[in-house]
PDB file of all heavy atoms in Angstrom:
ATOM      1  N   ALA A   1      46.441 106.579 165.472  1.00  0.00           N
ATOM      2  CA  ALA A   1      47.635 106.009 166.099  1.00  0.00           C
ATOM      3  C   ALA A   1      48.897 106.495 165.392  1.00  0.00           C
ATOM      4  O   ALA A   1      49.942 106.696 166.018  1.00  0.00           O
ATOM      5  CB  ALA A   1      47.577 104.483 166.056  1.00  0.00           C
ATOM      6  N   LYS A   2      48.790 106.716 164.082  1.00  0.00           N
ATOM      7  CA  LYS A   2      49.930 107.149 163.276  1.00  0.00           C
ATOM      8  C   LYS A   2      49.406 107.861 162.042  1.00  0.00           C
ATOM      9  O   LYS A   2      48.381 107.475 161.480  1.00  0.00           O
ATOM     10  CB  LYS A   2      50.782 105.941 162.860  1.00  0.00           C
ATOM     11  CG  LYS A   2      51.983 106.264 161.996  1.00  0.00           C
ATOM     12  CD  LYS A   2      52.721 104.985 161.615  1.00  0.00           C
ATOM     13  CE  LYS A   2      53.910 105.287 160.708  1.00  0.00           C
ATOM     14  NZ  LYS A   2      54.601 104.044 160.292  1.00  0.00           N
ATOM     15  N   GLY A   3      50.099 108.923 161.616  1.00  0.00           N
ATOM     16  CA  GLY A   3      49.681 109.630 160.409  1.00  0.00           C
ATOM     17  C   GLY A   3      48.927 110.907 160.724  1.00  0.00           C
ATOM     18  O   GLY A   3      49.127 111.529 161.771  1.00  0.00           O
ATOM     19  N   LEU A   4      48.024 111.294 159.822  1.00  0.00           N
ATOM     20  CA  LEU A   4      47.321 112.566 159.939  1.00  0.00           C
ATOM     21  C   LEU A   4      46.010 112.484 159.166  1.00  0.00           C
ATOM     22  O   LEU A   4      45.975 112.003 158.035  1.00  0.00           O
ATOM     23  CB  LEU A   4      48.194 113.686 159.350  1.00  0.00           C
ATOM     24  CG  LEU A   4      48.072 115.097 159.886  1.00  0.00           C
ATOM     25  CD1 LEU A   4      48.422 115.165 161.370  1.00  0.00           C
ATOM     26  CD2 LEU A   4      48.964 116.037 159.092  1.00  0.00           C
ATOM     27  N   LEU A   5      44.927 112.948 159.788  1.00  0.00           N
ATOM     28  CA  LEU A   5      43.619 112.982 159.133  1.00  0.00           C
ATOM     29  C   LEU A   5      43.130 114.421 159.012  1.00  0.00           C
ATOM     30  O   LEU A   5      43.492 115.278 159.814  1.00  0.00           O
ATOM     31  CB  LEU A   5      42.576 112.190 159.935  1.00  0.00           C
ATOM     32  CG  LEU A   5      42.842 110.723 160.259  1.00  0.00           C
ATOM     33  CD1 LEU A   5      41.635 110.144 161.000  1.00  0.00           C
ATOM     34  CD2 LEU A   5      43.134 109.923 159.004  1.00  0.00           C
ATOM     35  N   LYS A   6      42.311 114.662 158.026  1.00  0.00           N
ATOM     36  CA  LYS A   6      41.624 115.948 157.950  1.00  0.00           C
ATOM     37  C   LYS A   6      40.121 115.686 157.877  1.00  0.00           C
ATOM     38  O   LYS A   6      39.669 114.715 157.276  1.00  0.00           O
ATOM     39  CB  LYS A   6      42.069 116.759 156.723  1.00  0.00           C
ATOM     40  CG  LYS A   6      41.631 116.193 155.377  1.00  0.00           C
ATOM     41  CD  LYS A   6      41.970 117.156 154.230  1.00  0.00           C
ATOM     42  CE  LYS A   6      41.552 116.587 152.863  1.00  0.00           C
ATOM     43  NZ  LYS A   6      41.859 117.511 151.765  1.00  0.00           N
ATOM     44  N   THR A   7      39.360 116.558 158.523  1.00  0.00           N
ATOM     45  CA  THR A   7      37.912 116.508 158.458  1.00  0.00           C
ATOM     46  C   THR A   7      37.436 117.797 157.801  1.00  0.00           C
ATOM     47  O   THR A   7      37.875 118.884 158.188  1.00  0.00           O
ATOM     48  CB  THR A   7      37.293 116.361 159.865  1.00  0.00           C
ATOM     49  OG1 THR A   7      37.760 115.142 160.456  1.00  0.00           O
ATOM     50  CG2 THR A   7      35.777 116.323 159.795  1.00  0.00           C
ATOM     51  N   TYR A   8      36.574 117.660 156.827  1.00  0.00           N
ATOM     52  CA  TYR A   8      36.134 118.832 156.070  1.00  0.00           C
ATOM     53  C   TYR A   8      34.682 118.652 155.644  1.00  0.00           C
ATOM     54  O   TYR A   8      34.106 117.565 155.712  1.00  0.00           O
ATOM     55  CB  TYR A   8      37.010 119.032 154.838  1.00  0.00           C
ATOM     56  CG  TYR A   8      36.955 117.888 153.849  1.00  0.00           C
ATOM     57  CD1 TYR A   8      36.056 117.907 152.777  1.00  0.00           C
ATOM     58  CD2 TYR A   8      37.793 116.787 153.975  1.00  0.00           C
ATOM     59  CE1 TYR A   8      35.994 116.849 151.866  1.00  0.00           C
ATOM     60  CE2 TYR A   8      37.734 115.730 153.078  1.00  0.00           C
ATOM     61  CZ  TYR A   8      36.843 115.768 152.027  1.00  0.00           C
ATOM     62  OH  TYR A   8      36.773 114.720 151.142  1.00  0.00           O
ATOM     63  N   GLN A   9      34.087 119.744 155.205  1.00  0.00           N
ATOM     64  CA  GLN A   9      32.767 119.692 154.586  1.00  0.00           C
ATOM     65  C   GLN A   9      32.839 120.442 153.268  1.00  0.00           C
ATOM     66  O   GLN A   9      33.777 121.215 153.037  1.00  0.00           O
ATOM     67  CB  GLN A   9      31.706 120.288 155.503  1.00  0.00           C
ATOM     68  CG  GLN A   9      31.932 121.744 155.867  1.00  0.00           C
ATOM     69  CD  GLN A   9      30.958 122.205 156.943  1.00  0.00           C
ATOM     70  OE1 GLN A   9      30.251 121.415 157.547  1.00  0.00           O
ATOM     71  NE2 GLN A   9      30.925 123.515 157.187  1.00  0.00           N
ATOM     72  N   LEU A  10      31.884 120.202 152.403  1.00  0.00           N
ATOM     73  CA  LEU A  10      31.878 120.831 151.093  1.00  0.00           C
ATOM     74  C   LEU A  10      30.973 122.056 151.101  1.00  0.00           C
ATOM     75  O   LEU A  10      29.873 122.023 151.657  1.00  0.00           O
ATOM     76  CB  LEU A  10      31.399 119.841 150.030  1.00  0.00           C
ATOM     77  CG  LEU A  10      32.273 118.585 149.841  1.00  0.00           C
ATOM     78  CD1 LEU A  10      31.654 117.671 148.792  1.00  0.00           C
ATOM     79  CD2 LEU A  10      33.694 118.967 149.452  1.00  0.00           C
ATOM     80  N   THR A  11      31.454 123.133 150.480  1.00  0.00           N
ATOM     81  CA  THR A  11      30.647 124.336 150.359  1.00  0.00           C
ATOM     82  C   THR A  11      29.626 124.148 149.241  1.00  0.00           C
ATOM     83  O   THR A  11      29.645 123.150 148.513  1.00  0.00           O
ATOM     84  CB  THR A  11      31.529 125.553 150.037  1.00  0.00           C
ATOM     85  OG1 THR A  11      32.109 125.369 148.714  1.00  0.00           O
ATOM     86  CG2 THR A  11      32.655 125.690 151.062  1.00  0.00           C
ATOM     87  N   ALA A  12      28.728 125.120 149.093  1.00  0.00           N
ATOM     88  CA  ALA A  12      27.713 125.051 148.037  1.00  0.00           C
ATOM     89  C   ALA A  12      28.361 124.999 146.657  1.00  0.00           C
ATOM     90  O   ALA A  12      27.799 124.437 145.713  1.00  0.00           O
ATOM     91  CB  ALA A  12      26.769 126.248 148.133  1.00  0.00           C
ATOM     92  N   ALA A  13      29.575 125.563 146.561  1.00  0.00           N
ATOM     93  CA  ALA A  13      30.292 125.565 145.287  1.00  0.00           C
ATOM     94  C   ALA A  13      31.099 124.291 145.075  1.00  0.00           C
ATOM     95  O   ALA A  13      31.743 124.119 144.045  1.00  0.00           O
ATOM     96  CB  ALA A  13      31.221 126.775 145.209  1.00  0.00           C
ATOM     97  N   GLY A  14      31.064 123.387 146.062  1.00  0.00           N
ATOM     98  CA  GLY A  14      31.788 122.126 145.923  1.00  0.00           C
ATOM     99  C   GLY A  14      33.221 122.169 146.397  1.00  0.00           C
ATOM    100  O   GLY A  14      33.965 121.209 146.199  1.00  0.00           O
ATOM    101  N   ASN A  15      33.623 123.273 147.049  1.00  0.00           N
ATOM    102  CA  ASN A  15      34.983 123.393 147.557  1.00  0.00           C
ATOM    103  C   ASN A  15      35.087 122.842 148.980  1.00  0.00           C
ATOM    104  O   ASN A  15      34.118 122.873 149.745  1.00  0.00           O
ATOM    105  CB  ASN A  15      35.425 124.865 147.559  1.00  0.00           C
ATOM    106  CG  ASN A  15      35.433 125.460 146.168  1.00  0.00           C
ATOM    107  OD1 ASN A  15      35.868 124.814 145.210  1.00  0.00           O
ATOM    108  ND2 ASN A  15      34.950 126.687 146.036  1.00  0.00           N
ATOM    109  N   GLU A  16      36.261 122.348 149.315  1.00  0.00           N
ATOM    110  CA  GLU A  16      36.479 121.833 150.659  1.00  0.00           C
ATOM    111  C   GLU A  16      36.598 122.978 151.662  1.00  0.00           C
ATOM    112  O   GLU A  16      37.282 123.960 151.417  1.00  0.00           O
ATOM    113  CB  GLU A  16      37.758 120.998 150.723  1.00  0.00           C
ATOM    114  CG  GLU A  16      37.650 119.652 150.057  1.00  0.00           C
ATOM    115  CD  GLU A  16      38.893 118.803 150.288  1.00  0.00           C
ATOM    116  OE1 GLU A  16      39.709 119.168 151.169  1.00  0.00           O
ATOM    117  OE2 GLU A  16      39.057 117.789 149.597  1.00  0.00           O
ATOM    118  N   GLN A  17      35.939 122.825 152.792  1.00  0.00           N
ATOM    119  CA  GLN A  17      36.101 123.738 153.920  1.00  0.00           C
ATOM    120  C   GLN A  17      36.677 122.931 155.072  1.00  0.00           C
ATOM    121  O   GLN A  17      36.012 122.083 155.651  1.00  0.00           O
ATOM    122  CB  GLN A  17      34.766 124.354 154.329  1.00  0.00           C
ATOM    123  CG  GLN A  17      34.877 125.302 155.522  1.00  0.00           C
ATOM    124  CD  GLN A  17      33.530 125.846 155.963  1.00  0.00           C
ATOM    125  OE1 GLN A  17      32.487 125.361 155.544  1.00  0.00           O
ATOM    126  NE2 GLN A  17      33.553 126.864 156.800  1.00  0.00           N
ATOM    127  N   LEU A  18      37.948 123.167 155.371  1.00  0.00           N
ATOM    128  CA  LEU A  18      38.642 122.385 156.388  1.00  0.00           C
ATOM    129  C   LEU A  18      38.069 122.674 157.773  1.00  0.00           C
ATOM    130  O   LEU A  18      37.908 123.837 158.159  1.00  0.00           O
ATOM    131  CB  LEU A  18      40.135 122.706 156.368  1.00  0.00           C
ATOM    132  CG  LEU A  18      41.035 121.880 157.278  1.00  0.00           C
ATOM    133  CD1 LEU A  18      41.052 120.431 156.845  1.00  0.00           C
ATOM    134  CD2 LEU A  18      42.450 122.457 157.279  1.00  0.00           C
ATOM    135  N   LEU A  19      37.774 121.619 158.523  1.00  0.00           N
ATOM    136  CA  LEU A  19      37.230 121.765 159.869  1.00  0.00           C
ATOM    137  C   LEU A  19      38.275 121.471 160.930  1.00  0.00           C
ATOM    138  O   LEU A  19      38.482 122.262 161.845  1.00  0.00           O
ATOM    139  CB  LEU A  19      36.019 120.830 160.050  1.00  0.00           C
ATOM    140  CG  LEU A  19      34.839 121.069 159.110  1.00  0.00           C
ATOM    141  CD1 LEU A  19      33.758 120.015 159.333  1.00  0.00           C
ATOM    142  CD2 LEU A  19      34.263 122.479 159.304  1.00  0.00           C
ATOM    143  N   THR A  20      38.932 120.335 160.824  1.00  0.00           N
ATOM    144  CA  THR A  20      39.948 119.972 161.807  1.00  0.00           C
ATOM    145  C   THR A  20      41.039 119.125 161.167  1.00  0.00           C
ATOM    146  O   THR A  20      40.820 118.470 160.149  1.00  0.00           O
ATOM    147  CB  THR A  20      39.362 119.151 162.986  1.00  0.00           C
ATOM    148  OG1 THR A  20      38.782 117.937 162.469  1.00  0.00           O
ATOM    149  CG2 THR A  20      38.312 119.932 163.738  1.00  0.00           C
ATOM    150  N   ILE A  21      42.205 119.153 161.803  1.00  0.00           N
ATOM    151  CA  ILE A  21      43.305 118.251 161.484  1.00  0.00           C
ATOM    152  C   ILE A  21      43.501 117.368 162.714  1.00  0.00           C
ATOM    153  O   ILE A  21      43.597 117.867 163.834  1.00  0.00           O
ATOM    154  CB  ILE A  21      44.604 119.013 161.179  1.00  0.00           C
ATOM    155  CG1 ILE A  21      44.424 119.907 159.946  1.00  0.00           C
ATOM    156  CG2 ILE A  21      45.758 118.032 160.971  1.00  0.00           C
ATOM    157  CD1 ILE A  21      44.224 119.161 158.647  1.00  0.00           C
ATOM    158  N   THR A  22      43.542 116.058 162.521  1.00  0.00           N
ATOM    159  CA  THR A  22      43.654 115.127 163.644  1.00  0.00           C
ATOM    160  C   THR A  22      45.002 114.417 163.576  1.00  0.00           C
ATOM    161  O   THR A  22      45.287 113.703 162.621  1.00  0.00           O
ATOM    162  CB  THR A  22      42.508 114.093 163.611  1.00  0.00           C
ATOM    163  OG1 THR A  22      41.254 114.783 163.499  1.00  0.00           O
ATOM    164  CG2 THR A  22      42.496 113.268 164.881  1.00  0.00           C
ATOM    165  N   ALA A  23      45.817 114.639 164.602  1.00  0.00           N
ATOM    166  CA  ALA A  23      47.178 114.112 164.659  1.00  0.00           C
ATOM    167  C   ALA A  23      47.219 112.869 165.546  1.00  0.00           C
ATOM    168  O   ALA A  23      46.241 112.531 166.211  1.00  0.00           O
ATOM    169  CB  ALA A  23      48.116 115.195 165.199  1.00  0.00           C
ATOM    170  N   PRO A  24      48.357 112.155 165.573  1.00  0.00           N
ATOM    171  CA  PRO A  24      48.470 110.971 166.424  1.00  0.00           C
ATOM    172  C   PRO A  24      48.130 111.263 167.881  1.00  0.00           C
ATOM    173  O   PRO A  24      48.557 112.277 168.434  1.00  0.00           O
ATOM    174  CB  PRO A  24      49.943 110.577 166.256  1.00  0.00           C
ATOM    175  CG  PRO A  24      50.284 111.037 164.882  1.00  0.00           C
ATOM    176  CD  PRO A  24      49.559 112.335 164.715  1.00  0.00           C
ATOM    177  N   GLY A  25      47.348 110.375 168.483  1.00  0.00           N
ATOM    178  CA  GLY A  25      46.902 110.561 169.855  1.00  0.00           C
ATOM    179  C   GLY A  25      45.583 111.298 169.963  1.00  0.00           C
ATOM    180  O   GLY A  25      44.961 111.320 171.021  1.00  0.00           O
ATOM    181  N   GLN A  26      45.130 111.896 168.860  1.00  0.00           N
ATOM    182  CA  GLN A  26      43.867 112.616 168.849  1.00  0.00           C
ATOM    183  C   GLN A  26      42.787 111.765 168.183  1.00  0.00           C
ATOM    184  O   GLN A  26      43.067 110.685 167.665  1.00  0.00           O
ATOM    185  CB  GLN A  26      44.033 113.951 168.114  1.00  0.00           C
ATOM    186  CG  GLN A  26      45.058 114.876 168.760  1.00  0.00           C
ATOM    187  CD  GLN A  26      45.278 116.143 167.971  1.00  0.00           C
ATOM    188  OE1 GLN A  26      44.968 116.239 166.788  1.00  0.00           O
ATOM    189  NE2 GLN A  26      45.839 117.151 168.631  1.00  0.00           N
ATOM    190  N   TYR A  27      41.577 112.259 168.208  1.00  0.00           N
ATOM    191  CA  TYR A  27      40.454 111.470 167.701  1.00  0.00           C
ATOM    192  C   TYR A  27      39.435 112.366 167.019  1.00  0.00           C
ATOM    193  O   TYR A  27      39.435 113.598 167.177  1.00  0.00           O
ATOM    194  CB  TYR A  27      39.791 110.691 168.841  1.00  0.00           C
ATOM    195  CG  TYR A  27      39.235 111.597 169.918  1.00  0.00           C
ATOM    196  CD1 TYR A  27      37.945 112.119 169.824  1.00  0.00           C
ATOM    197  CD2 TYR A  27      40.002 111.943 171.019  1.00  0.00           C
ATOM    198  CE1 TYR A  27      37.448 112.982 170.785  1.00  0.00           C
ATOM    199  CE2 TYR A  27      39.517 112.792 171.986  1.00  0.00           C
ATOM    200  CZ  TYR A  27      38.235 113.310 171.876  1.00  0.00           C
ATOM    201  OH  TYR A  27      37.747 114.161 172.822  1.00  0.00           O
ATOM    202  N   VAL A  28      38.534 111.740 166.274  1.00  0.00           N
ATOM    203  CA  VAL A  28      37.447 112.441 165.598  1.00  0.00           C
ATOM    204  C   VAL A  28      36.219 111.531 165.644  1.00  0.00           C
ATOM    205  O   VAL A  28      36.352 110.314 165.754  1.00  0.00           O
ATOM    206  CB  VAL A  28      37.841 112.783 164.138  1.00  0.00           C
ATOM    207  CG1 VAL A  28      38.006 111.526 163.302  1.00  0.00           C
ATOM    208  CG2 VAL A  28      36.827 113.713 163.498  1.00  0.00           C
ATOM    209  N   GLY A  29      35.052 112.122 165.572  1.00  0.00           N
ATOM    210  CA  GLY A  29      33.828 111.327 165.568  1.00  0.00           C
ATOM    211  C   GLY A  29      33.025 111.402 166.849  1.00  0.00           C
ATOM    212  O   GLY A  29      31.935 110.847 166.942  1.00  0.00           O
ATOM    213  N   GLU A  30      33.559 112.117 167.852  1.00  0.00           N
ATOM    214  CA  GLU A  30      32.859 112.169 169.137  1.00  0.00           C
ATOM    215  C   GLU A  30      31.524 112.911 169.049  1.00  0.00           C
ATOM    216  O   GLU A  30      30.591 112.640 169.818  1.00  0.00           O
ATOM    217  CB  GLU A  30      33.752 112.799 170.221  1.00  0.00           C
ATOM    218  CG  GLU A  30      33.891 114.298 170.188  1.00  0.00           C
ATOM    219  CD  GLU A  30      34.787 114.811 169.072  1.00  0.00           C
ATOM    220  OE1 GLU A  30      35.385 113.992 168.352  1.00  0.00           O
ATOM    221  OE2 GLU A  30      34.877 116.033 168.922  1.00  0.00           O
ATOM    222  N   GLN A  31      31.395 113.844 168.090  1.00  0.00           N
ATOM    223  CA  GLN A  31      30.130 114.582 167.959  1.00  0.00           C
ATOM    224  C   GLN A  31      28.985 113.633 167.628  1.00  0.00           C
ATOM    225  O   GLN A  31      27.898 113.720 168.207  1.00  0.00           O
ATOM    226  CB  GLN A  31      30.259 115.646 166.876  1.00  0.00           C
ATOM    227  CG  GLN A  31      31.146 116.821 167.271  1.00  0.00           C
ATOM    228  CD  GLN A  31      31.299 117.813 166.124  1.00  0.00           C
ATOM    229  OE1 GLN A  31      31.790 117.476 165.056  1.00  0.00           O
ATOM    230  NE2 GLN A  31      30.866 119.029 166.348  1.00  0.00           N
ATOM    231  N   ALA A  32      29.241 112.729 166.695  1.00  0.00           N
ATOM    232  CA  ALA A  32      28.205 111.768 166.319  1.00  0.00           C
ATOM    233  C   ALA A  32      27.888 110.829 167.478  1.00  0.00           C
ATOM    234  O   ALA A  32      26.727 110.506 167.733  1.00  0.00           O
ATOM    235  CB  ALA A  32      28.658 110.964 165.105  1.00  0.00           C
ATOM    236  N   LEU A  33      28.927 110.424 168.207  1.00  0.00           N
ATOM    237  CA  LEU A  33      28.716 109.510 169.330  1.00  0.00           C
ATOM    238  C   LEU A  33      27.867 110.156 170.420  1.00  0.00           C
ATOM    239  O   LEU A  33      27.119 109.477 171.123  1.00  0.00           O
ATOM    240  CB  LEU A  33      30.057 109.081 169.924  1.00  0.00           C
ATOM    241  CG  LEU A  33      30.950 108.197 169.047  1.00  0.00           C
ATOM    242  CD1 LEU A  33      32.241 107.877 169.785  1.00  0.00           C
ATOM    243  CD2 LEU A  33      30.236 106.917 168.654  1.00  0.00           C
ATOM    244  N   LEU A  34      27.988 111.484 170.554  1.00  0.00           N
ATOM    245  CA  LEU A  34      27.271 112.193 171.609  1.00  0.00           C
ATOM    246  C   LEU A  34      25.969 112.807 171.114  1.00  0.00           C
ATOM    247  O   LEU A  34      25.358 113.632 171.790  1.00  0.00           O
ATOM    248  CB  LEU A  34      28.174 113.283 172.200  1.00  0.00           C
ATOM    249  CG  LEU A  34      29.459 112.757 172.864  1.00  0.00           C
ATOM    250  CD1 LEU A  34      30.335 113.906 173.327  1.00  0.00           C
ATOM    251  CD2 LEU A  34      29.128 111.841 174.032  1.00  0.00           C
ATOM    252  N   GLY A  35      25.543 112.405 169.907  1.00  0.00           N
ATOM    253  CA  GLY A  35      24.229 112.812 169.418  1.00  0.00           C
ATOM    254  C   GLY A  35      24.184 114.092 168.620  1.00  0.00           C
ATOM    255  O   GLY A  35      23.102 114.632 168.373  1.00  0.00           O
ATOM    256  N   ALA A  36      25.363 114.625 168.196  1.00  0.00           N
ATOM    257  CA  ALA A  36      25.373 115.868 167.416  1.00  0.00           C
ATOM    258  C   ALA A  36      26.254 115.702 166.176  1.00  0.00           C
ATOM    259  O   ALA A  36      27.261 116.397 166.025  1.00  0.00           O
ATOM    260  CB  ALA A  36      25.866 117.023 168.281  1.00  0.00           C
ATOM    261  N   PRO A  37      25.904 114.798 165.263  1.00  0.00           N
ATOM    262  CA  PRO A  37      26.741 114.558 164.080  1.00  0.00           C
ATOM    263  C   PRO A  37      26.686 115.713 163.091  1.00  0.00           C
ATOM    264  O   PRO A  37      25.705 116.466 163.051  1.00  0.00           O
ATOM    265  CB  PRO A  37      26.118 113.296 163.475  1.00  0.00           C
ATOM    266  CG  PRO A  37      24.676 113.381 163.877  1.00  0.00           C
ATOM    267  CD  PRO A  37      24.685 113.976 165.257  1.00  0.00           C
ATOM    268  N   ASN A  38      27.757 115.867 162.334  1.00  0.00           N
ATOM    269  CA  ASN A  38      27.764 116.811 161.218  1.00  0.00           C
ATOM    270  C   ASN A  38      27.412 116.005 159.968  1.00  0.00           C
ATOM    271  O   ASN A  38      28.238 115.222 159.487  1.00  0.00           O
ATOM    272  CB  ASN A  38      29.144 117.461 161.063  1.00  0.00           C
ATOM    273  CG  ASN A  38      29.186 118.480 159.930  1.00  0.00           C
ATOM    274  OD1 ASN A  38      28.308 118.500 159.062  1.00  0.00           O
ATOM    275  ND2 ASN A  38      30.193 119.335 159.933  1.00  0.00           N
ATOM    276  N   PRO A  39      26.210 116.173 159.419  1.00  0.00           N
ATOM    277  CA  PRO A  39      25.766 115.330 158.299  1.00  0.00           C
ATOM    278  C   PRO A  39      26.506 115.597 156.994  1.00  0.00           C
ATOM    279  O   PRO A  39      26.296 114.888 156.015  1.00  0.00           O
ATOM    280  CB  PRO A  39      24.281 115.687 158.178  1.00  0.00           C
ATOM    281  CG  PRO A  39      24.185 117.080 158.709  1.00  0.00           C
ATOM    282  CD  PRO A  39      25.181 117.150 159.821  1.00  0.00           C
ATOM    283  N   ALA A  40      27.375 116.616 156.984  1.00  0.00           N
ATOM    284  CA  ALA A  40      28.084 116.953 155.751  1.00  0.00           C
ATOM    285  C   ALA A  40      29.587 116.731 155.858  1.00  0.00           C
ATOM    286  O   ALA A  40      30.333 117.098 154.952  1.00  0.00           O
ATOM    287  CB  ALA A  40      27.817 118.419 155.385  1.00  0.00           C
ATOM    288  N   ALA A  41      30.046 116.104 156.947  1.00  0.00           N
ATOM    289  CA  ALA A  41      31.482 115.992 157.203  1.00  0.00           C
ATOM    290  C   ALA A  41      32.102 114.750 156.570  1.00  0.00           C
ATOM    291  O   ALA A  41      31.502 113.676 156.556  1.00  0.00           O
ATOM    292  CB  ALA A  41      31.753 115.999 158.696  1.00  0.00           C
ATOM    293  N   TYR A  42      33.314 114.924 156.049  1.00  0.00           N
ATOM    294  CA  TYR A  42      34.137 113.841 155.516  1.00  0.00           C
ATOM    295  C   TYR A  42      35.447 113.827 156.300  1.00  0.00           C
ATOM    296  O   TYR A  42      35.952 114.880 156.700  1.00  0.00           O
ATOM    297  CB  TYR A  42      34.469 114.064 154.040  1.00  0.00           C
ATOM    298  CG  TYR A  42      33.281 114.076 153.107  1.00  0.00           C
ATOM    299  CD1 TYR A  42      32.468 115.206 153.005  1.00  0.00           C
ATOM    300  CD2 TYR A  42      32.988 112.974 152.307  1.00  0.00           C
ATOM    301  CE1 TYR A  42      31.381 115.223 152.138  1.00  0.00           C
ATOM    302  CE2 TYR A  42      31.911 112.994 151.438  1.00  0.00           C
ATOM    303  CZ  TYR A  42      31.107 114.117 151.352  1.00  0.00           C
ATOM    304  OH  TYR A  42      30.028 114.138 150.498  1.00  0.00           O
ATOM    305  N   THR A  43      36.021 112.634 156.482  1.00  0.00           N
ATOM    306  CA  THR A  43      37.338 112.522 157.103  1.00  0.00           C
ATOM    307  C   THR A  43      38.204 111.622 156.232  1.00  0.00           C
ATOM    308  O   THR A  43      37.790 110.525 155.867  1.00  0.00           O
ATOM    309  CB  THR A  43      37.243 111.927 158.521  1.00  0.00           C
ATOM    310  OG1 THR A  43      36.451 112.785 159.343  1.00  0.00           O
ATOM    311  CG2 THR A  43      38.629 111.794 159.148  1.00  0.00           C
TER     312      THR A  43
END
């Protein structure tokens, strides 16, 4: 609704790999809801 989120996963070396930036009006998490979750993702 307000602000900014980032979704990322960690590489084998422990570094962040940015996946998406989610801005106001946008959403994240639909992959898990539709049966295809990313088991390594953080938001």
